[in-house]
Amino acid sequence: MLPTSSHFKRDLKLNSRACSRRHFIKLASSAAGLTFASQVLGHNHKPHTMKDAPIGLQLYTLRDIMKVSVPATLKLVSSIGYKEMEFAGYFGHRAKDIRRMLDEEGLTAPSAHIQLTDFDTQLTKILDDAQTVGHKYLVVPWLSEAQRGTGISPYQKLAEKLNTLGEACQKEGITLAYHNHDFEFENREGKIPLDVLIENTDPNNLAIELDLYWAVKANKDPIAYFKNYPGRFKLWHVKDMAKDGSFADVGTGVIDFENIFAHGKLAGIEHKFVERDQTNDRIATIEQGYKAVTALNHTLG
């Protein structure tokens, strides 16, 4: 019998620090020994506008559990109902093994986060691994303060670089994307960095993964961005905000997801991933995220 999230919640005590490494490995070994028939989803690349569109999870949310057992973590998220994964590292596993684990759980991984510096040194391997796992998007997730620099020039140069990287990815049937935080919305010499990245890259070479929390945190309206740059926001991070500006489980905070989701077609949405950077109850967080996005899918425009 496939373990349910309640079983994991009981045994993991809702937090990887609340259970011993030995106990989790025991659970992982047990989970790995389970077999069940599953329909493996195709790695298509079409916009999701139907109410039953697959719901994704950014695995950074479960990074502490992933460090202990990737197979058991994937079994957990599958038992909750998630179908699409976005990776933030393979945690020491080879790409072919990650693909096998996904297939065993009936999951796909249309996207993965890759640090900008890794593209400089490992582009061929990154693209080979993406093909193996089935990634259709590779996302630059973060810029260090040094990479951001000062003024608008660093982002103008970054746009050129991303355009070139995007061309290389396109040759392999993969789309490069960029994930924002709040600093891409600060005013630099009268320009907004995210706008510079969008306006100075070919739409075929760079998509945007809009992190809805960080956009709202920066006092920006996601829908206004959809209207200004229709079709560019292929990926979303669905992350909520508490009244005090901190992170919240999706559907429990102040972000108007219903209105945002209603503009999904305008945005160009293809994949959306539940995420919460910091939480004291990881399993409750992803359960609530799945429940909330399931309801929100009915409003997709």
Protein backbone atom coordinates (compact mmCIF):
# COMPACT_ATOMS: atom_id res chain seq x y z
CA MET A 1 0.00 0.00 0.00
CA LEU A 2 1.35 3.43 -0.92
CA PRO A 3 2.24 5.50 2.17
CA THR A 4 -0.06 8.49 2.60
CA SER A 5 1.01 11.95 3.72
CA SER A 6 -0.52 11.23 7.12
CA HIS A 7 1.81 8.26 7.53
CA PHE A 8 4.80 10.42 6.73
CA LYS A 9 3.50 13.18 8.99
CA ARG A 10 3.30 10.72 11.86
CA ASP A 11 6.71 9.18 11.26
CA LEU A 12 8.65 12.28 10.26
CA LYS A 13 7.06 14.43 12.95
CA LEU A 14 6.48 17.11 10.32
CA ASN A 15 10.11 18.15 10.25
CA SER A 16 13.28 16.40 9.22
CA ARG A 17 14.97 17.58 12.41
CA ALA A 18 12.28 15.89 14.47
CA CYS A 19 13.24 12.41 13.33
CA SER A 20 16.57 10.68 13.32
CA ARG A 21 18.51 10.13 10.12
CA ARG A 22 18.45 6.39 10.83
CA HIS A 23 14.66 6.35 11.17
CA PHE A 24 14.10 8.28 7.97
CA ILE A 25 16.46 6.01 6.04
CA LYS A 26 14.49 3.05 7.36
CA LEU A 27 11.32 4.67 6.06
CA ALA A 28 13.00 5.45 2.76
CA SER A 29 14.15 1.87 2.35
CA SER A 30 10.64 0.65 3.03
CA ALA A 31 9.17 3.11 0.55
CA ALA A 32 11.71 2.15 -2.09
CA GLY A 33 10.65 -1.46 -1.80
CA LEU A 34 7.04 -0.68 -2.62
CA THR A 35 5.82 -1.14 -6.17
CA PHE A 36 2.65 -0.05 -7.83
CA ALA A 37 1.33 0.41 -11.35
CA SER A 38 1.33 4.04 -12.53
CA GLN A 39 0.68 5.93 -15.69
CA VAL A 40 3.82 7.90 -16.52
CA LEU A 41 2.89 11.33 -17.83
CA GLY A 42 4.32 12.51 -21.14
CA HIS A 43 6.78 15.41 -21.08
CA ASN A 44 4.64 17.72 -23.14
CA HIS A 45 5.21 21.43 -23.39
CA LYS A 46 1.73 22.88 -23.79
CA PRO A 47 0.01 25.65 -21.82
CA HIS A 48 -2.13 24.47 -18.95
CA THR A 49 -5.55 26.08 -19.10
CA MET A 50 -7.73 23.18 -17.99
CA LYS A 51 -9.05 23.01 -14.47
CA ASP A 52 -7.32 19.66 -13.93
CA ALA A 53 -3.87 20.87 -15.03
CA PRO A 54 -1.01 19.16 -13.17
CA ILE A 55 0.11 20.83 -9.95
CA GLY A 56 3.82 21.21 -9.35
CA LEU A 57 6.08 21.51 -6.33
CA GLN A 58 9.42 23.28 -6.05
CA LEU A 59 11.46 20.72 -4.11
CA TYR A 60 13.51 23.42 -2.40
CA THR A 61 10.57 23.49 0.03
CA LEU A 62 11.58 19.98 1.15
CA ARG A 63 15.34 20.37 0.87
CA ASP A 64 16.07 19.01 4.36
CA ILE A 65 14.08 15.86 3.63
CA MET A 66 15.60 15.56 0.15
CA LYS A 67 19.04 15.47 1.78
CA VAL A 68 18.01 12.33 3.65
CA SER A 69 16.13 10.45 0.93
CA VAL A 70 15.14 11.63 -2.52
CA PRO A 71 13.07 8.48 -3.32
CA ALA A 72 11.04 8.74 -0.12
CA THR A 73 10.46 12.45 -0.67
CA LEU A 74 9.18 11.86 -4.19
CA LYS A 75 6.90 9.10 -2.91
CA LEU A 76 5.56 11.50 -0.30
CA VAL A 77 4.73 14.30 -2.74
CA SER A 78 3.18 11.84 -5.16
CA SER A 79 0.93 10.49 -2.41
CA ILE A 80 -0.35 14.02 -1.78
CA GLY A 81 -1.25 14.40 -5.44
CA TYR A 82 1.53 16.45 -7.01
CA LYS A 83 2.46 15.44 -10.55
CA GLU A 84 5.21 17.88 -11.56
CA MET A 85 8.48 18.54 -9.78
CA GLU A 86 10.91 21.43 -10.05
CA PHE A 87 14.33 20.39 -8.82
CA ALA A 88 16.84 22.51 -6.96
CA GLY A 89 19.68 20.00 -7.04
CA TYR A 90 19.82 16.22 -7.41
CA PHE A 91 21.41 15.66 -3.98
CA GLY A 92 24.20 13.45 -5.22
CA HIS A 93 22.11 11.33 -7.59
CA ARG A 94 22.82 10.84 -11.28
CA ALA A 95 20.34 12.19 -13.80
CA LYS A 96 19.35 8.71 -14.99
CA ASP A 97 18.57 7.68 -11.42
CA ILE A 98 16.46 10.79 -10.87
CA ARG A 99 14.50 9.95 -14.02
CA ARG A 100 13.97 6.40 -12.81
CA MET A 101 12.67 7.63 -9.44
CA LEU A 102 10.27 10.01 -11.16
CA ASP A 103 9.00 7.32 -13.49
CA GLU A 104 8.41 4.96 -10.60
CA GLU A 105 6.14 7.52 -8.95
CA GLY A 106 4.35 8.65 -12.12
CA LEU A 107 5.96 12.10 -11.85
CA THR A 108 7.60 14.46 -14.32
CA ALA A 109 10.10 17.26 -13.77
CA PRO A 110 9.52 19.91 -16.42
CA SER A 111 11.89 22.35 -14.73
CA ALA A 112 15.07 22.61 -12.67
CA HIS A 113 17.00 25.44 -11.05
CA ILE A 114 20.61 25.83 -12.17
CA GLN A 115 23.00 28.42 -10.77
CA LEU A 116 24.26 30.94 -13.31
CA THR A 117 27.90 30.08 -12.58
CA ASP A 118 27.22 26.41 -13.38
CA PHE A 119 26.09 27.33 -16.88
CA ASP A 120 29.55 28.85 -17.39
CA THR A 121 31.43 25.68 -16.48
CA GLN A 122 29.07 22.73 -17.07
CA LEU A 123 26.74 23.69 -19.92
CA THR A 124 27.12 20.44 -21.87
CA LYS A 125 26.51 18.27 -18.79
CA ILE A 126 23.58 20.43 -17.69
CA LEU A 127 21.89 20.03 -21.06
CA ASP A 128 22.62 16.30 -21.20
CA ASP A 129 21.18 15.82 -17.71
CA ALA A 130 18.13 17.89 -18.61
CA GLN A 131 17.47 15.67 -21.59
CA THR A 132 17.81 12.57 -19.44
CA VAL A 133 15.50 13.75 -16.67
CA GLY A 134 13.02 15.37 -19.04
CA HIS A 135 13.41 19.03 -18.09
CA LYS A 136 11.89 21.43 -20.60
CA TYR A 137 12.97 24.50 -18.65
CA LEU A 138 16.24 25.37 -16.94
CA VAL A 139 15.89 28.30 -14.57
CA VAL A 140 18.48 30.77 -13.27
CA PRO A 141 17.22 31.06 -9.68
CA TRP A 142 19.32 33.70 -7.97
CA LEU A 143 21.97 36.38 -8.34
CA SER A 144 24.56 37.06 -5.68
CA GLU A 145 25.18 40.65 -4.61
CA ALA A 146 28.38 40.58 -6.63
CA GLN A 147 26.49 39.44 -9.73
CA ARG A 148 23.91 42.18 -9.24
CA GLY A 149 26.56 44.88 -8.98
CA THR A 150 25.42 48.50 -9.06
CA GLY A 151 23.53 50.51 -11.61
CA ILE A 152 21.63 48.98 -14.50
CA SER A 153 24.65 47.87 -16.52
CA PRO A 154 24.99 44.43 -14.84
CA TYR A 155 21.45 43.55 -15.94
CA GLN A 156 22.01 44.80 -19.47
CA LYS A 157 25.07 42.56 -19.70
CA LEU A 158 23.14 39.71 -18.08
CA ALA A 159 20.42 40.04 -20.71
CA GLU A 160 23.02 39.55 -23.44
CA LYS A 161 24.41 36.51 -21.64
CA LEU A 162 20.99 34.97 -21.06
CA ASN A 163 20.09 35.49 -24.70
CA THR A 164 23.20 33.57 -25.74
CA LEU A 165 22.62 30.80 -23.20
CA GLY A 166 19.00 30.64 -24.27
CA GLU A 167 20.02 30.04 -27.87
CA ALA A 168 22.20 27.12 -26.77
CA CYS A 169 19.34 25.67 -24.75
CA GLN A 170 16.89 26.07 -27.62
CA LYS A 171 19.11 23.96 -29.85
CA GLU A 172 18.48 21.10 -27.42
CA GLY A 173 14.74 21.72 -27.22
CA ILE A 174 15.02 23.35 -23.79
CA THR A 175 13.94 26.85 -22.75
CA LEU A 176 16.02 29.00 -20.42
CA ALA A 177 14.12 30.93 -17.75
CA TYR A 178 14.88 33.48 -15.05
CA HIS A 179 13.41 33.45 -11.54
CA ASN A 180 12.96 36.75 -9.70
CA HIS A 181 13.22 37.85 -6.12
CA ASP A 182 12.38 41.39 -4.98
CA PHE A 183 15.70 43.01 -5.91
CA GLU A 184 14.94 42.75 -9.65
CA PHE A 185 12.19 45.33 -9.11
CA GLU A 186 14.31 48.07 -7.54
CA ASN A 187 14.77 51.27 -9.48
CA ARG A 188 18.24 51.47 -11.00
CA GLU A 189 19.01 54.59 -12.95
CA GLY A 190 15.35 54.95 -13.86
CA LYS A 191 15.03 51.35 -15.04
CA ILE A 192 13.66 48.16 -13.48
CA PRO A 193 16.08 45.22 -13.82
CA LEU A 194 13.41 42.63 -14.58
CA ASP A 195 12.04 44.86 -17.34
CA VAL A 196 15.54 45.14 -18.80
CA LEU A 197 15.91 41.34 -18.85
CA ILE A 198 12.54 40.88 -20.54
CA GLU A 199 12.90 43.67 -23.08
CA ASN A 200 16.44 42.79 -24.11
CA THR A 201 16.01 39.05 -24.67
CA ASP A 202 14.28 37.09 -27.40
CA PRO A 203 11.07 35.50 -26.04
CA ASN A 204 12.25 32.22 -27.56
CA ASN A 205 15.51 32.43 -25.61
CA LEU A 206 14.24 33.49 -22.18
CA ALA A 207 11.03 32.86 -20.29
CA ILE A 208 10.32 34.29 -16.86
CA GLU A 209 9.48 32.23 -13.80
CA LEU A 210 7.51 34.77 -11.83
CA ASP A 211 7.74 34.29 -8.10
CA LEU A 212 4.41 35.76 -7.05
CA TYR A 213 5.44 36.29 -3.44
CA TRP A 214 8.54 38.30 -4.31
CA ALA A 215 6.69 40.36 -6.91
CA VAL A 216 4.02 41.33 -4.38
CA LYS A 217 6.69 41.84 -1.71
CA ALA A 218 8.23 44.45 -4.03
CA ASN A 219 4.83 46.14 -4.38
CA LYS A 220 4.45 45.05 -7.99
CA ASP A 221 1.24 43.80 -9.58
CA PRO A 222 1.74 40.47 -11.39
CA ILE A 223 -1.27 41.12 -13.59
CA ALA A 224 0.21 44.43 -14.77
CA TYR A 225 3.31 42.49 -15.81
CA PHE A 226 1.18 39.97 -17.68
CA LYS A 227 -0.44 42.84 -19.58
CA ASN A 228 2.87 44.56 -20.33
CA TYR A 229 4.65 41.37 -21.41
CA PRO A 230 1.97 38.85 -22.43
CA GLY A 231 3.10 35.29 -22.87
CA ARG A 232 6.49 35.70 -21.18
CA PHE A 233 5.61 34.18 -17.79
CA LYS A 234 5.64 30.47 -18.59
CA LEU A 235 6.40 29.40 -15.02
CA TRP A 236 5.08 30.60 -11.67
CA HIS A 237 6.12 30.09 -8.08
CA VAL A 238 2.90 30.04 -6.11
CA LYS A 239 3.95 31.31 -2.72
CA ASP A 240 1.81 33.27 -0.25
CA MET A 241 2.47 36.21 2.06
CA ALA A 242 1.33 36.75 5.64
CA LYS A 243 0.03 40.14 6.76
CA ASP A 244 3.43 40.99 8.23
CA GLY A 245 5.17 40.29 4.91
CA SER A 246 6.60 36.91 5.91
CA PHE A 247 5.99 33.60 4.13
CA ALA A 248 2.63 31.85 4.46
CA ASP A 249 1.12 28.63 3.17
CA VAL A 250 -0.70 29.11 -0.12
CA GLY A 251 -4.29 30.21 0.43
CA THR A 252 -3.73 31.36 4.02
CA GLY A 253 -2.14 34.73 3.26
CA VAL A 254 -3.02 38.01 1.58
CA ILE A 255 -2.07 37.47 -2.08
CA ASP A 256 -5.07 37.53 -4.43
CA PHE A 257 -4.28 34.29 -6.24
CA GLU A 258 -7.79 33.98 -7.65
CA ASN A 259 -7.38 37.14 -9.72
CA ILE A 260 -3.83 36.22 -10.73
CA PHE A 261 -4.83 32.71 -11.84
CA ALA A 262 -7.72 34.17 -13.83
CA HIS A 263 -5.07 35.86 -16.01
CA GLY A 264 -3.09 32.67 -16.58
CA LYS A 265 -3.68 32.55 -20.33
CA LEU A 266 -2.48 36.13 -20.73
CA ALA A 267 0.65 35.31 -18.74
CA GLY A 268 1.39 32.30 -20.94
CA ILE A 269 1.40 29.94 -17.96
CA GLU A 270 2.57 26.38 -18.61
CA HIS A 271 3.73 25.17 -15.19
CA LYS A 272 3.15 26.37 -11.66
CA PHE A 273 5.02 25.24 -8.58
CA VAL A 274 3.98 25.53 -4.95
CA GLU A 275 6.84 26.79 -2.82
CA ARG A 276 7.58 28.15 0.63
CA ASP A 277 11.16 29.11 1.41
CA GLN A 278 10.88 28.63 5.16
CA THR A 279 8.27 26.70 7.11
CA ASN A 280 8.12 24.88 10.43
CA ASP A 281 5.78 22.24 9.05
CA ARG A 282 6.87 21.20 5.58
CA ILE A 283 4.28 18.49 5.07
CA ALA A 284 1.37 20.65 6.20
CA THR A 285 2.69 23.37 3.88
CA ILE A 286 2.71 21.20 0.77
CA GLU A 287 -0.65 19.63 1.64
CA GLN A 288 -2.22 23.07 1.99
CA GLY A 289 -0.51 24.24 -1.21
CA TYR A 290 -1.89 21.33 -3.19
CA LYS A 291 -5.39 21.88 -1.83
CA ALA A 292 -5.32 25.60 -2.56
CA VAL A 293 -3.94 25.32 -6.10
CA THR A 294 -6.41 22.55 -6.92
CA ALA A 295 -9.20 25.01 -6.14
CA LEU A 296 -7.45 27.89 -7.94
CA ASN A 297 -7.03 25.85 -11.13
CA HIS A 298 -10.74 26.33 -11.74
CA THR A 299 -10.08 30.06 -12.26
CA LEU A 300 -7.28 29.69 -14.82
CA GLY A 301 -7.95 32.06 -17.71
